[in-house]
Structures are given as C-alpha cells and as structure tokens.
Amino acid sequence: MKPIASVIIPNWNGREWLDRCLRSLLAQTLQPVEILVVDNGSTDGSAEWVVEAFPAVRVLRQPENLGFARATNIGIQASGGEFIVFFNNDARAEPDWLERCVKAMGNDAAIASAACRTLDDHDPARIYSLGDGFLPNGDGMNIARGMRYRSDLPMPRWVFGPSGCTAVYRRAALEKVGLLDEDYVSFHEDVDLNWRLLLAGYKCLYVPEAVAYHVGYATGRKVNDRIAFLSGRNRLLVLFKNLPGSLWLRFAIPLALRQAQMLWWAVKGNAEMRVRCRGALASLRYLPREWRKRRAANRLRRLGAAEVAAFIQTHAVLQRQLNALINRECEH
C-alpha cells in the first residue's frame, strides 16, 4: 500500500503566502491524503479564501490565535496519515519533496522524522536549514543557516531533528512520545519534540534531495517582542525538561557562558536580548511543571547520557566545520 501523509499548516493572517504554499503541496508527485489548514482566528480573510479557492483543503477554524503548538496538535488529532507533515504557511516545496522524504524514511520504524534541504525563499542559493542541530551551550541551530548550498557540505546522515517549518514525522513515533508541548505556545516546541524522540531512541534522517523553500517569520515578525520572550523562556524550558542530569555538569561552562553573553548584550542595550532575558527569568516559575514532564519523559528514555553527549558534540564539530567554510567564502 502506498504510504499516505497528512499535511498540517497552522495559519494566522497568512493570506499572502497561502496560495503558493498550497499550490506547491497540491502539485506533489506523492499526493497527501489530506491538507489541513488550522486557522488561528485570522482577521485577513485567510480561512474564507482557502475554503473558496482550494475546496480540497480542510480548514479547521479556531476562535483565536492558539499558537503554533496547539494549532499543529489540533491538525494532527484531526488527521489520519501514516506520516505527519509540519508545514509553515510561508513555505513551498519542489514537486518531489514529499515523495523523497517518505521514500527515504521507508518502513524503518526507528526513523521518526526526515529533515530536508530547506532553502531561503528570498535567495534560493542560500540555506535556511538543513535540519536542526543542538550545541553544548544549549542553543538549537538551523544547520548551515545563511550559507550557499554546495553538495560537498560535511553533513551527517543523522541530525538532531527536522526544522519545524518543513518537517516529516512518522505518526507512530509521535504517538509514542507525545505531540507538541502546548505550554510552549510557539518557538522551540519542535526542538522539545526532537529531544523527546532522540531520548526515546528514534533517529532523524537528513534527505538532501528533498528541497523546500521558507521565507521565515513571515507571520511571527508581526509580534517581535513575543517571539523574543517565548524564545528566551522556551530555550531554558527545553533544557530543564530534556537534558540528562549528568550533562548539566559536563556542559556547565558553555551553558553558563551563553547565558552570560546574552545578559551582557542586554546590559549593553540590545532590546531583543533584554526581552529574551526576561523570558529566561520567567522560565523559573515553570520548573516544577517541567520537572513533572521530565519524569514522565524519562520513562521512555532509551539513550544513555554518553550517547546524547556524543550526538551533541557531533553537531558542535559540524558547526565548527561550517564556520570554517563560511570564513573561506568571506575571504574569497
């Protein structure tokens, strides 16, 4: 039986992006069994327009902006595909994108997700993300962000996870570890999910032949302070919830230096860093809640601390290699 996929698109006032987004998905060589637009109380006519222009697309209207995590979960729960696609309303994909991702994942139940080659829609010669990585200082990263794409990049076969803007997940894996954490609202909720999948022993496959494009923050840029606050808060919540206890000591220096760097920028007058630091401070009130979640997640944990540390170090090495390539590009 041909594998089937459900595409979930959270939308909030993204009317200007939806036409090309939906057309690219409807043109896939592996047709999704369904496309669901979860509309977060848009006021720009998005939901009404999709209903009229794309009758094959299901629109799930919400009374208000519930955030990315809740909207995506609503879509997942209303869908029936074996594979679940997270797709941003400002993304688009090459016609064989979905087929390449699904075929690469195949029937291997250990492969929970696929990361693709997502390029910058403004400058398709440059990379938006080749998947997510995670660094010893506690930062997640869009791998190779801003670099010119080249086929000889030192990419590993397995990465930390897919970028949430163009991600393919296996439903069975999501059902095992749980859906997106709705307490995060938006931002870093995909990092948290990728952490839980990694700790449970699942893998994310990098599929360079699968190509998509992403504008980035097309909707989120309208609420910059909110983005900075949630990013600062959720970054620490992800660590509290998922980082194995022994690794807090092992990575104490880079973790502390990163926080000190953010605080220094805030003191020097960087407005975004001030908001991020307020978010980081706000995270402390949620520690009891995150501790309960951590204990629940640990019951599914299959990966030892040493294996997790090795995986994080792999991404640190990759980041250094990519930085060296960027420096060479600048020299020329």
Protein backbone atom coordinates (compact mmCIF):
# COMPACT_ATOMS: atom_id res chain seq x y z
CA MET A 1 0.00 0.00 0.00
CA LYS A 2 1.31 3.44 -0.90
CA PRO A 3 2.28 5.41 2.23
CA ILE A 4 -0.03 8.30 2.98
CA ALA A 5 0.75 11.66 4.51
CA SER A 6 -1.30 14.36 6.21
CA VAL A 7 -0.06 17.94 5.91
CA ILE A 8 -0.72 20.31 8.82
CA ILE A 9 -0.44 24.08 8.20
CA PRO A 10 -1.02 26.42 11.14
CA ASN A 11 -2.12 29.81 9.85
CA TRP A 12 -2.53 33.23 11.38
CA ASN A 13 -3.13 36.10 8.95
CA GLY A 14 -1.00 34.44 6.28
CA ARG A 15 -3.28 35.04 3.29
CA GLU A 16 -0.45 36.46 1.17
CA TRP A 17 1.58 33.24 1.46
CA LEU A 18 -1.06 30.52 1.31
CA ASP A 19 -1.65 30.43 -2.45
CA ARG A 20 1.86 29.37 -3.42
CA CYS A 21 2.15 27.18 -0.33
CA LEU A 22 -0.98 25.17 -1.13
CA ARG A 23 -0.28 25.01 -4.86
CA SER A 24 3.15 23.50 -4.21
CA LEU A 25 1.60 20.85 -1.96
CA LEU A 26 -1.19 20.00 -4.38
CA ALA A 27 1.45 19.54 -7.11
CA GLN A 28 3.36 16.85 -5.17
CA THR A 29 4.21 13.64 -7.00
CA LEU A 30 3.16 11.82 -3.83
CA GLN A 31 -0.18 13.43 -3.14
CA PRO A 32 -1.00 13.99 0.55
CA VAL A 33 -4.10 12.13 1.65
CA GLU A 34 -5.22 15.43 3.18
CA ILE A 35 -4.10 19.00 3.73
CA LEU A 36 -5.38 20.71 6.86
CA VAL A 37 -5.10 24.45 7.43
CA VAL A 38 -5.62 25.18 11.11
CA ASP A 39 -6.63 28.83 11.15
CA ASN A 40 -5.78 30.63 14.39
CA GLY A 41 -8.53 33.27 14.34
CA SER A 42 -7.18 35.13 11.30
CA THR A 43 -8.65 38.54 10.53
CA ASP A 44 -7.30 38.84 6.98
CA GLY A 45 -9.85 36.51 5.36
CA SER A 46 -7.41 33.58 5.18
CA ALA A 47 -9.89 30.88 6.17
CA GLU A 48 -12.68 32.10 3.90
CA TRP A 49 -10.32 32.43 0.96
CA VAL A 50 -8.89 28.90 1.34
CA VAL A 51 -12.41 27.43 1.51
CA GLU A 52 -13.30 29.17 -1.75
CA ALA A 53 -10.03 28.79 -3.66
CA PHE A 54 -9.00 25.30 -2.51
CA PRO A 55 -12.11 23.21 -1.80
CA ALA A 56 -9.96 20.06 -1.42
CA VAL A 57 -8.20 21.60 1.59
CA ARG A 58 -9.78 21.18 5.04
CA VAL A 59 -9.93 24.34 7.11
CA LEU A 60 -10.17 23.95 10.89
CA ARG A 61 -11.17 27.35 12.22
CA GLN A 62 -10.17 28.36 15.75
CA PRO A 63 -11.70 31.31 17.60
CA GLU A 64 -8.34 32.89 18.50
CA ASN A 65 -4.60 32.58 18.00
CA LEU A 66 -3.75 29.41 19.92
CA GLY A 67 -0.07 29.39 18.92
CA PHE A 68 1.85 27.01 16.68
CA ALA A 69 1.94 24.06 19.08
CA ARG A 70 -1.78 23.90 19.87
CA ALA A 71 -2.81 24.53 16.26
CA THR A 72 -0.49 21.81 14.98
CA ASN A 73 -1.77 19.33 17.57
CA ILE A 74 -5.36 20.07 16.56
CA GLY A 75 -4.40 19.25 12.98
CA ILE A 76 -2.60 16.04 13.95
CA GLN A 77 -5.54 14.85 16.03
CA ALA A 78 -7.94 15.52 13.15
CA SER A 79 -5.73 13.77 10.57
CA GLY A 80 -5.27 10.14 9.59
CA GLY A 81 -1.97 9.91 7.72
CA GLU A 82 0.79 7.43 8.48
CA PHE A 83 3.20 10.36 8.05
CA ILE A 84 2.56 13.79 9.54
CA VAL A 85 3.94 16.85 7.75
CA PHE A 86 4.53 20.11 9.65
CA PHE A 87 4.48 22.85 7.03
CA ASN A 88 4.58 26.62 7.54
CA ASN A 89 2.24 28.84 5.56
CA ASP A 90 5.24 30.75 4.15
CA ALA A 91 6.95 27.59 2.86
CA ARG A 92 6.72 25.86 -0.51
CA ALA A 93 8.21 22.64 -1.85
CA GLU A 94 9.55 21.14 -5.06
CA PRO A 95 7.09 18.63 -6.60
CA ASP A 96 9.04 15.55 -5.45
CA TRP A 97 9.78 16.86 -1.94
CA LEU A 98 7.26 14.74 -0.05
CA GLU A 99 7.89 11.60 -2.08
CA ARG A 100 11.64 11.80 -1.48
CA CYS A 101 11.19 12.27 2.29
CA VAL A 102 8.69 9.44 2.68
CA LYS A 103 10.65 7.03 0.48
CA ALA A 104 13.87 7.76 2.38
CA MET A 105 12.17 7.02 5.71
CA GLY A 106 10.64 3.84 4.29
CA ASN A 107 9.37 1.21 6.69
CA ASP A 108 12.16 1.62 9.24
CA ALA A 109 10.24 2.33 12.45
CA ALA A 110 13.41 3.66 14.10
CA ILE A 111 13.40 6.64 11.71
CA ALA A 112 10.92 9.02 13.31
CA SER A 113 11.48 12.03 11.07
CA ALA A 114 13.13 13.44 7.97
CA ALA A 115 14.98 16.74 7.60
CA CYS A 116 15.22 18.19 4.11
CA ARG A 117 17.19 20.83 2.25
CA THR A 118 15.22 23.97 3.07
CA LEU A 119 16.46 26.99 1.15
CA ASP A 120 15.93 30.70 1.77
CA ASP A 121 12.96 31.77 -0.33
CA HIS A 122 14.42 35.27 -0.75
CA ASP A 123 17.73 33.85 -2.04
CA PRO A 124 17.35 30.19 -3.07
CA ALA A 125 21.11 29.82 -3.47
CA ARG A 126 21.36 30.13 0.31
CA ILE A 127 20.29 27.70 3.01
CA TYR A 128 17.54 28.32 5.52
CA SER A 129 18.07 24.98 7.29
CA LEU A 130 19.40 21.50 6.62
CA GLY A 131 17.70 20.30 9.76
CA ASP A 132 18.13 21.17 13.42
CA GLY A 133 21.24 20.68 15.48
CA PHE A 134 21.86 21.13 19.20
CA LEU A 135 25.01 22.64 20.73
CA PRO A 136 26.76 22.24 24.11
CA ASN A 137 25.82 25.83 25.06
CA GLY A 138 22.13 24.90 24.98
CA ASP A 139 21.33 26.54 21.66
CA GLY A 140 19.44 24.81 18.93
CA MET A 141 20.62 25.70 15.45
CA ASN A 142 19.36 25.70 11.91
CA ILE A 143 22.20 23.75 10.31
CA ALA A 144 24.16 25.79 7.73
CA ARG A 145 21.78 28.77 8.01
CA GLY A 146 22.79 31.53 5.59
CA MET A 147 25.44 29.50 3.72
CA ARG A 148 25.42 28.97 -0.02
CA TYR A 149 24.36 25.42 -0.73
CA ARG A 150 27.01 23.06 -2.08
CA SER A 151 26.84 19.32 -2.46
CA ASP A 152 30.09 18.70 -0.53
CA LEU A 153 28.94 20.17 2.78
CA PRO A 154 30.09 17.91 5.67
CA MET A 155 26.55 16.85 6.56
CA PRO A 156 25.97 13.73 8.66
CA ARG A 157 23.36 11.16 7.69
CA TRP A 158 21.56 11.62 11.02
CA VAL A 159 20.71 15.01 12.51
CA PHE A 160 19.07 16.13 15.74
CA GLY A 161 15.73 16.75 14.06
CA PRO A 162 13.91 18.48 11.21
CA SER A 163 13.19 22.17 11.21
CA GLY A 164 9.54 22.60 12.13
CA CYS A 165 8.78 24.67 9.02
CA THR A 166 9.19 21.71 6.61
CA ALA A 167 9.23 18.53 8.67
CA VAL A 168 8.01 14.98 8.07
CA TYR A 169 7.29 12.77 11.09
CA ARG A 170 6.12 9.20 11.46
CA ARG A 171 2.79 9.17 13.30
CA ALA A 172 3.65 6.04 15.30
CA ALA A 173 6.68 7.80 16.80
CA LEU A 174 4.63 10.86 17.75
CA GLU A 175 2.06 8.65 19.40
CA LYS A 176 4.87 7.06 21.41
CA VAL A 177 6.50 10.23 22.79
CA GLY A 178 3.55 12.63 22.64
CA LEU A 179 2.68 15.61 20.46
CA LEU A 180 3.97 19.17 20.67
CA ASP A 181 4.07 20.67 24.17
CA GLU A 182 1.29 23.25 24.09
CA ASP A 183 2.67 25.05 27.16
CA TYR A 184 5.43 26.38 24.89
CA VAL A 185 2.81 28.12 22.68
CA SER A 186 5.28 28.81 19.85
CA PHE A 187 9.05 28.59 19.30
CA HIS A 188 11.30 25.72 20.41
CA GLU A 189 8.32 23.36 20.58
CA ASP A 190 9.87 21.45 17.67
CA VAL A 191 13.23 21.34 19.50
CA ASP A 192 11.49 19.82 22.51
CA LEU A 193 9.75 17.22 20.33
CA ASN A 194 13.04 16.34 18.64
CA TRP A 195 14.66 15.94 22.06
CA ARG A 196 11.96 13.54 23.23
CA LEU A 197 12.28 11.47 20.06
CA LEU A 198 16.07 11.34 20.36
CA LEU A 199 15.98 10.27 24.00
CA ALA A 200 13.44 7.57 23.16
CA GLY A 201 15.93 6.10 20.68
CA TYR A 202 14.48 7.41 17.42
CA LYS A 203 16.51 8.90 14.55
CA CYS A 204 16.10 11.79 12.12
CA LEU A 205 17.35 11.23 8.58
CA TYR A 206 18.78 14.09 6.51
CA VAL A 207 17.43 13.91 2.94
CA PRO A 208 19.36 16.43 0.77
CA GLU A 209 17.47 15.53 -2.42
CA ALA A 210 14.20 16.76 -0.89
CA VAL A 211 14.05 20.52 -1.48
CA ALA A 212 11.75 23.12 0.03
CA TYR A 213 11.84 26.90 0.50
CA HIS A 214 10.97 29.03 3.50
CA VAL A 215 10.54 32.78 3.96
CA GLY A 216 10.93 32.71 7.75
CA TYR A 217 9.00 34.76 10.31
CA ALA A 218 6.51 35.93 7.68
CA THR A 219 3.83 35.77 10.37
CA GLY A 220 5.95 35.88 13.51
CA ARG A 221 7.73 39.13 12.57
CA LYS A 222 4.48 40.92 13.39
CA VAL A 223 4.98 40.14 17.10
CA ASN A 224 8.74 40.53 17.61
CA ASP A 225 8.69 41.07 21.40
CA ARG A 226 6.52 38.00 21.81
CA ILE A 227 8.96 35.95 19.73
CA ALA A 228 11.93 37.11 21.82
CA PHE A 229 10.16 36.42 25.12
CA LEU A 230 8.99 32.93 24.15
CA SER A 231 12.38 32.08 22.65
CA GLY A 232 14.20 33.13 25.82
CA ARG A 233 11.76 31.27 28.04
CA ASN A 234 11.33 28.11 25.98
CA ARG A 235 15.03 27.66 25.31
CA LEU A 236 15.58 27.04 29.03
CA LEU A 237 12.40 25.01 29.46
CA VAL A 238 13.65 22.61 26.78
CA LEU A 239 16.89 22.16 28.72
CA PHE A 240 15.18 21.70 32.08
CA LYS A 241 12.89 19.12 30.60
CA ASN A 242 15.25 17.10 28.44
CA LEU A 243 18.98 17.49 29.09
CA PRO A 244 20.24 14.42 31.03
CA GLY A 245 21.32 15.32 34.55
CA SER A 246 24.99 14.38 34.16
CA LEU A 247 25.30 16.61 31.09
CA TRP A 248 24.41 19.73 33.07
CA LEU A 249 27.79 19.34 34.78
CA ARG A 250 29.62 18.31 31.62
CA PHE A 251 28.35 21.31 29.64
CA ALA A 252 28.22 23.73 32.60
CA ILE A 253 30.85 26.11 31.19
CA PRO A 254 29.36 26.60 27.67
CA LEU A 255 25.85 26.79 29.16
CA ALA A 256 26.91 29.47 31.65
CA LEU A 257 28.94 31.42 29.11
CA ARG A 258 26.00 31.54 26.72
CA GLN A 259 23.68 32.90 29.40
CA ALA A 260 26.32 35.44 30.45
CA GLN A 261 26.75 36.53 26.84
CA MET A 262 23.01 37.12 26.46
CA LEU A 263 22.92 39.07 29.72
CA TRP A 264 25.90 41.20 28.63
CA TRP A 265 24.20 42.10 25.37
CA ALA A 266 21.06 43.01 27.31
CA VAL A 267 23.04 45.28 29.68
CA LYS A 268 24.73 46.91 26.69
CA GLY A 269 21.31 47.94 25.36
CA ASN A 270 20.29 45.17 22.95
CA ALA A 271 16.48 45.41 23.14
CA GLU A 272 15.85 41.87 21.86
CA MET A 273 18.26 40.37 24.40
CA ARG A 274 16.55 42.26 27.20
CA VAL A 275 13.25 40.64 26.26
CA ARG A 276 14.95 37.23 25.92
CA CYS A 277 16.44 37.60 29.39
CA ARG A 278 13.01 38.44 30.78
CA GLY A 279 11.76 35.25 29.15
CA ALA A 280 14.65 33.28 30.68
CA LEU A 281 13.82 34.67 34.12
CA ALA A 282 10.14 33.81 33.62
CA SER A 283 11.10 30.18 32.92
CA LEU A 284 11.98 29.68 36.60
CA ARG A 285 8.35 29.73 37.68
CA TYR A 286 7.65 26.73 35.43
CA LEU A 287 10.38 24.48 36.84
CA PRO A 288 8.03 22.31 38.95
CA ARG A 289 5.84 21.71 35.91
CA GLU A 290 8.82 20.88 33.70
CA TRP A 291 10.18 18.52 36.36
CA ARG A 292 6.96 16.51 36.24
CA LYS A 293 7.19 16.34 32.46
CA ARG A 294 10.83 15.33 32.69
CA ARG A 295 10.00 12.41 34.95
CA ALA A 296 7.28 11.26 32.55
CA ALA A 297 9.63 11.54 29.53
CA ASN A 298 12.36 9.61 31.33
CA ARG A 299 10.15 6.54 31.40
CA LEU A 300 10.51 6.38 27.60
CA ARG A 301 14.22 7.15 27.55
CA ARG A 302 16.41 4.63 25.74
CA LEU A 303 19.54 6.69 25.03
CA GLY A 304 22.27 6.96 27.64
CA ALA A 305 23.89 10.25 28.66
CA ALA A 306 27.15 9.31 26.92
CA GLU A 307 25.33 8.71 23.64
CA VAL A 308 23.49 12.00 23.96
CA ALA A 309 26.75 13.84 24.70
CA ALA A 310 28.41 12.29 21.66
CA PHE A 311 25.49 13.38 19.49
CA ILE A 312 25.69 16.97 20.76
CA GLN A 313 29.46 17.03 20.25
CA THR A 314 28.95 15.83 16.67
CA HIS A 315 26.86 18.92 16.00
CA ALA A 316 29.44 21.14 17.68
CA VAL A 317 32.11 19.75 15.34
CA LEU A 318 29.77 20.22 12.38
CA GLN A 319 29.18 23.85 13.38
CA ARG A 320 32.94 24.50 13.52
CA GLN A 321 33.40 22.92 10.08
CA LEU A 322 30.61 25.03 8.63
CA ASN A 323 32.03 28.17 10.23
CA ALA A 324 35.37 27.44 8.63
CA LEU A 325 33.71 27.12 5.24
CA ILE A 326 31.87 30.40 5.80
CA ASN A 327 35.15 32.14 6.65
CA ARG A 328 36.72 30.80 3.46
CA GLU A 329 33.76 32.08 1.46
CA CYS A 330 34.20 35.53 3.02
CA GLU A 331 37.91 35.55 2.21
CA HIS A 332 37.11 34.98 -1.44
